[in-house]
Amino acid sequence: MVVGSDINEITTSIPLFVPNLGEIAPLLSNFLKQNFAKVNVEVVTCPDLTKSPFSLTGPHLADDLVVIDVGGPGNLFPDVRVDKTFDSKKIAKNALPEATKPWIFGPGAGPRHVVGVNCETVLDSAFGDDKDEVRNHTTKISYENGLSPALKTVDSSDFCLMANLGVTDTAKPPGKMLKIEAKERIGELNFAEAVRQFFVQEYPEKDVSLAGVFAIKEGSIKVHVMPDFPETLKFEDRDKFLNSWLHYFDISSR
């Protein structure tokens, strides 16, 4: 690994295997039917993601999509690395230096120095030569009226600790993608894990990475939200870290 002098530099590039979408669509559909009663998978041109139900800053995914892992759990456990602050605008530019309209998106740890407390984030930022639209959604733990998640949109491009991101140049035309619809869970795997397990089993010897967006139209999901860090900035026990420190909530789609 070559480490750059700037924390936002891309340090390692890994060539990925890109499956043929037309070939895997029916295979993925059959696999998902083990966990969902109703499934439909098809290859489509990426729709306008600025419209409902997504309402994102980036209009679409292009064929130049780059998947980026930034930081990782090592920045959180056992010692909290509060010095690990990243700039998503710089990362997007470094990932696609020729892009004129990079859009970066994905989950991570929120900007503690902006929100005032440790938090989660979903990055959604479109950058351009003359205008940036930064609409990053953070969630922190609120202790008012009981324990609950509190959502806030921030216009800072910063985040902390770690993130799993996608970057694409929206100046390029919309690319092809998989549209996956699943209803009525009947198996043990949730939607994201079921999709991931398909690729693990289908391509056990290949490096495949996924990026995209999804909308939950009915039902609820279980999510975790990080509270603030311990005063010592250190976790002594991994089980307590996973089961006692993290807070879990059932969130309704409505």
Protein backbone atom coordinates (compact mmCIF):
# COMPACT_ATOMS: atom_id res chain seq x y z
CA MET A 1 0.00 0.00 0.00
CA VAL A 2 1.28 3.47 -0.87
CA VAL A 3 0.15 6.05 1.67
CA GLY A 4 -0.24 9.61 0.43
CA SER A 5 0.67 12.73 2.36
CA ASP A 6 -2.98 13.89 2.17
CA ILE A 7 -5.49 11.83 4.16
CA ASN A 8 -7.97 12.26 1.27
CA GLU A 9 -5.70 10.74 -1.38
CA ILE A 10 -6.57 7.37 -2.93
CA THR A 11 -3.93 5.03 -1.50
CA THR A 12 -4.78 1.69 -3.12
CA SER A 13 -6.58 0.85 -6.37
CA ILE A 14 -7.99 -2.65 -6.91
CA PRO A 15 -9.21 -3.85 -10.34
CA LEU A 16 -12.72 -5.27 -9.97
CA PHE A 17 -14.60 -7.89 -11.94
CA VAL A 18 -17.68 -6.43 -13.63
CA PRO A 19 -20.33 -9.10 -14.28
CA ASN A 20 -22.62 -9.01 -17.30
CA LEU A 21 -25.85 -7.52 -15.95
CA GLY A 22 -28.06 -9.33 -18.44
CA GLU A 23 -26.61 -12.69 -17.43
CA ILE A 24 -26.87 -12.22 -13.68
CA ALA A 25 -30.35 -10.63 -13.55
CA PRO A 26 -32.28 -13.95 -13.74
CA LEU A 27 -29.77 -15.70 -11.47
CA LEU A 28 -30.07 -12.98 -8.83
CA SER A 29 -33.86 -13.08 -9.12
CA ASN A 30 -33.93 -16.82 -8.39
CA PHE A 31 -31.54 -16.41 -5.45
CA LEU A 32 -33.57 -13.62 -3.84
CA LYS A 33 -36.74 -15.73 -4.00
CA GLN A 34 -35.26 -17.80 -1.17
CA ASN A 35 -35.74 -14.79 1.10
CA PHE A 36 -38.58 -12.79 -0.49
CA ALA A 37 -42.01 -13.87 -1.72
CA LYS A 38 -42.08 -11.46 -4.65
CA VAL A 39 -38.98 -10.55 -6.65
CA ASN A 40 -38.29 -8.77 -9.91
CA VAL A 41 -34.81 -8.04 -11.29
CA GLU A 42 -34.19 -6.28 -14.59
CA VAL A 43 -31.52 -4.28 -16.39
CA VAL A 44 -32.50 -0.63 -16.90
CA THR A 45 -30.96 2.72 -17.70
CA CYS A 46 -30.43 4.58 -14.44
CA PRO A 47 -33.49 6.76 -13.72
CA ASP A 48 -33.42 10.39 -12.58
CA LEU A 49 -32.41 10.05 -8.93
CA THR A 50 -33.23 13.68 -8.15
CA LYS A 51 -36.92 12.75 -8.37
CA SER A 52 -39.12 10.88 -5.88
CA PRO A 53 -38.69 8.47 -4.17
CA PHE A 54 -34.95 9.16 -4.01
CA SER A 55 -34.69 12.98 -4.16
CA LEU A 56 -30.88 12.94 -4.25
CA THR A 57 -28.45 15.66 -5.38
CA GLY A 58 -26.98 13.47 -8.14
CA PRO A 59 -29.17 12.82 -11.20
CA HIS A 60 -27.84 9.36 -12.08
CA LEU A 61 -25.09 6.76 -12.02
CA ALA A 62 -22.81 6.75 -15.06
CA ASP A 63 -20.73 3.84 -16.36
CA ASP A 64 -17.59 5.30 -14.72
CA LEU A 65 -18.80 4.50 -11.20
CA VAL A 66 -15.97 4.08 -8.67
CA VAL A 67 -16.47 2.35 -5.31
CA ILE A 68 -14.35 3.63 -2.41
CA ASP A 69 -13.70 2.33 1.11
CA VAL A 70 -12.42 5.10 3.37
CA GLY A 71 -10.94 4.43 6.80
CA GLY A 72 -12.56 1.51 8.60
CA PRO A 73 -13.43 -0.05 11.98
CA GLY A 74 -9.77 0.25 12.97
CA ASN A 75 -10.37 3.98 13.40
CA LEU A 76 -13.08 3.23 15.98
CA PHE A 77 -12.04 0.09 17.89
CA PRO A 78 -10.28 -0.34 20.24
CA ASP A 79 -9.05 3.29 20.17
CA VAL A 80 -11.19 6.09 18.73
CA ARG A 81 -9.15 8.06 16.18
CA VAL A 82 -10.74 11.49 16.51
CA ASP A 83 -8.01 12.83 14.22
CA LYS A 84 -9.43 10.88 11.27
CA THR A 85 -11.49 13.54 9.48
CA PHE A 86 -12.03 13.28 5.73
CA ASP A 87 -13.27 15.66 3.01
CA SER A 88 -15.68 14.01 0.55
CA LYS A 89 -15.12 16.72 -2.06
CA LYS A 90 -11.38 16.06 -2.16
CA ILE A 91 -11.98 12.30 -2.23
CA ALA A 92 -14.40 12.63 -5.17
CA LYS A 93 -11.90 14.76 -7.10
CA ASN A 94 -9.06 12.34 -6.34
CA ALA A 95 -11.14 9.32 -7.38
CA LEU A 96 -12.27 10.85 -10.68
CA PRO A 97 -9.79 13.67 -11.47
CA GLU A 98 -11.23 14.27 -14.95
CA ALA A 99 -14.83 14.50 -13.78
CA THR A 100 -16.55 17.86 -14.23
CA LYS A 101 -19.63 16.99 -12.15
CA PRO A 102 -18.69 14.34 -9.59
CA TRP A 103 -21.43 13.03 -7.31
CA ILE A 104 -20.41 11.16 -4.14
CA PHE A 105 -22.81 9.15 -1.99
CA GLY A 106 -22.89 6.47 0.68
CA PRO A 107 -22.96 5.75 4.44
CA GLY A 108 -20.30 6.59 6.99
CA ALA A 109 -19.55 8.18 10.33
CA GLY A 110 -20.78 11.75 10.53
CA PRO A 111 -18.78 14.95 11.10
CA ARG A 112 -18.58 15.08 14.91
CA HIS A 113 -16.89 18.48 14.79
CA VAL A 114 -19.85 19.89 12.83
CA VAL A 115 -22.80 18.20 14.57
CA GLY A 116 -21.23 18.49 18.03
CA VAL A 117 -21.43 14.80 18.86
CA ASN A 118 -20.54 11.48 17.25
CA CYS A 119 -23.14 10.52 14.66
CA GLU A 120 -23.95 8.55 11.52
CA THR A 121 -24.15 10.05 8.04
CA VAL A 122 -25.34 9.29 4.54
CA LEU A 123 -23.33 11.39 2.11
CA ASP A 124 -25.16 12.95 -0.83
CA SER A 125 -23.06 15.66 -2.48
CA ALA A 126 -22.90 16.86 -6.08
CA PHE A 127 -19.91 19.01 -7.00
CA GLY A 128 -19.40 21.22 -10.04
CA ASP A 129 -17.15 23.97 -11.37
CA ASP A 130 -19.60 26.73 -10.46
CA LYS A 131 -21.89 25.16 -7.83
CA ASP A 132 -21.80 22.51 -5.12
CA GLU A 133 -24.88 20.93 -3.61
CA VAL A 134 -24.01 19.27 -0.31
CA ARG A 135 -26.96 17.61 1.41
CA ASN A 136 -25.49 15.09 3.84
CA HIS A 137 -27.97 13.42 6.19
CA THR A 138 -26.75 12.85 9.75
CA THR A 139 -28.36 10.90 12.59
CA LYS A 140 -27.38 11.23 16.22
CA ILE A 141 -28.78 9.87 19.47
CA SER A 142 -31.27 12.20 21.18
CA TYR A 143 -31.91 11.79 24.90
CA GLU A 144 -34.91 14.13 24.95
CA ASN A 145 -38.15 12.31 25.75
CA GLY A 146 -36.35 8.97 25.84
CA LEU A 147 -33.77 7.44 23.54
CA SER A 148 -34.42 8.18 19.86
CA PRO A 149 -32.62 8.93 16.58
CA ALA A 150 -32.46 12.61 15.61
CA LEU A 151 -31.97 13.50 11.94
CA LYS A 152 -30.30 16.62 10.60
CA THR A 153 -29.09 17.68 7.15
CA VAL A 154 -25.71 19.43 7.04
CA ASP A 155 -23.90 21.27 4.25
CA SER A 156 -20.40 20.24 5.31
CA SER A 157 -18.50 17.87 3.00
CA ASP A 158 -16.58 16.44 5.97
CA PHE A 159 -17.05 13.05 7.64
CA CYS A 160 -15.09 11.08 10.24
CA LEU A 161 -13.59 7.62 10.86
CA MET A 162 -14.93 5.62 7.88
CA ALA A 163 -17.29 5.48 4.91
CA ASN A 164 -18.38 3.22 2.04
CA LEU A 165 -18.81 5.48 -0.97
CA GLY A 166 -19.65 5.60 -4.65
CA VAL A 167 -18.43 8.33 -7.00
CA THR A 168 -19.62 8.99 -10.54
CA ASP A 169 -19.37 11.82 -13.09
CA THR A 170 -22.93 12.95 -13.77
CA ALA A 171 -21.74 14.98 -16.76
CA LYS A 172 -21.68 11.61 -18.52
CA PRO A 173 -24.91 9.92 -19.66
CA PRO A 174 -26.84 7.55 -17.38
CA GLY A 175 -25.43 4.03 -17.30
CA LYS A 176 -27.02 0.61 -17.15
CA MET A 177 -27.89 -0.82 -13.75
CA LEU A 178 -29.90 -3.51 -11.99
CA LYS A 179 -33.35 -2.56 -10.78
CA ILE A 180 -34.24 -4.94 -7.95
CA GLU A 181 -37.69 -5.14 -6.39
CA ALA A 182 -38.34 -7.40 -3.40
CA LYS A 183 -41.44 -7.76 -1.23
CA GLU A 184 -42.51 -9.82 1.79
CA ARG A 185 -39.41 -11.19 3.44
CA ILE A 186 -39.74 -14.92 4.08
CA GLY A 187 -36.13 -15.91 4.79
CA GLU A 188 -33.39 -15.11 7.28
CA LEU A 189 -31.39 -12.70 5.12
CA ASN A 190 -32.28 -9.03 4.85
CA PHE A 191 -32.28 -7.33 1.44
CA ALA A 192 -28.72 -6.01 1.46
CA GLU A 193 -27.24 -9.23 2.87
CA ALA A 194 -29.18 -11.39 0.39
CA VAL A 195 -27.84 -9.39 -2.56
CA ARG A 196 -24.32 -9.54 -1.15
CA GLN A 197 -24.48 -13.29 -0.53
CA PHE A 198 -25.52 -13.88 -4.13
CA PHE A 199 -22.32 -12.30 -5.44
CA VAL A 200 -20.20 -14.06 -2.82
CA GLN A 201 -21.56 -17.44 -3.92
CA GLU A 202 -21.64 -16.68 -7.65
CA TYR A 203 -18.11 -15.23 -7.86
CA PRO A 204 -16.13 -16.75 -4.93
CA GLU A 205 -12.73 -16.13 -6.54
CA LYS A 206 -13.39 -12.66 -7.98
CA ASP A 207 -13.44 -9.15 -6.53
CA VAL A 208 -16.90 -7.67 -7.08
CA SER A 209 -18.10 -4.45 -5.49
CA LEU A 210 -21.58 -2.90 -5.50
CA ALA A 211 -22.90 0.62 -5.13
CA GLY A 212 -26.39 2.01 -5.52
CA VAL A 213 -29.41 3.41 -3.78
CA PHE A 214 -32.61 1.85 -2.49
CA ALA A 215 -36.00 2.99 -1.23
CA ILE A 216 -38.13 1.23 1.38
CA LYS A 217 -41.76 1.73 0.42
CA GLU A 218 -43.52 -0.43 3.03
CA GLY A 219 -42.69 -2.08 6.35
CA SER A 220 -39.79 -1.24 8.65
CA ILE A 221 -36.05 -1.80 8.98
CA LYS A 222 -33.68 -2.26 11.91
CA VAL A 223 -30.82 0.24 11.98
CA HIS A 224 -28.04 1.14 14.40
CA VAL A 225 -26.99 4.63 15.47
CA MET A 226 -23.72 5.37 17.25
CA PRO A 227 -23.88 7.43 20.45
CA ASP A 228 -21.01 9.69 21.48
CA PHE A 229 -17.63 8.18 22.26
CA PRO A 230 -16.55 7.04 25.74
CA GLU A 231 -14.66 9.72 27.66
CA THR A 232 -11.51 7.59 27.51
CA LEU A 233 -11.79 7.32 23.69
CA LYS A 234 -11.13 3.60 24.11
CA PHE A 235 -13.23 0.41 24.00
CA GLU A 236 -12.04 -2.40 26.28
CA ASP A 237 -14.40 -5.16 25.11
CA ARG A 238 -15.61 -5.89 21.57
CA ASP A 239 -18.86 -7.58 22.69
CA LYS A 240 -19.80 -4.55 24.78
CA PHE A 241 -18.85 -2.34 21.85
CA LEU A 242 -21.23 -4.18 19.51
CA ASN A 243 -24.07 -5.03 21.88
CA SER A 244 -24.09 -2.30 24.53
CA TRP A 245 -22.61 0.82 22.97
CA LEU A 246 -24.44 0.75 19.63
CA HIS A 247 -28.16 1.57 19.79
CA TYR A 248 -30.67 -0.19 17.52
CA PHE A 249 -34.02 1.13 16.29
CA ASP A 250 -36.90 -0.15 14.18
CA ILE A 251 -37.64 2.56 11.61
CA SER A 252 -40.92 2.61 9.70
CA SER A 253 -40.91 3.40 5.99
CA ARG A 254 -43.73 5.85 6.65
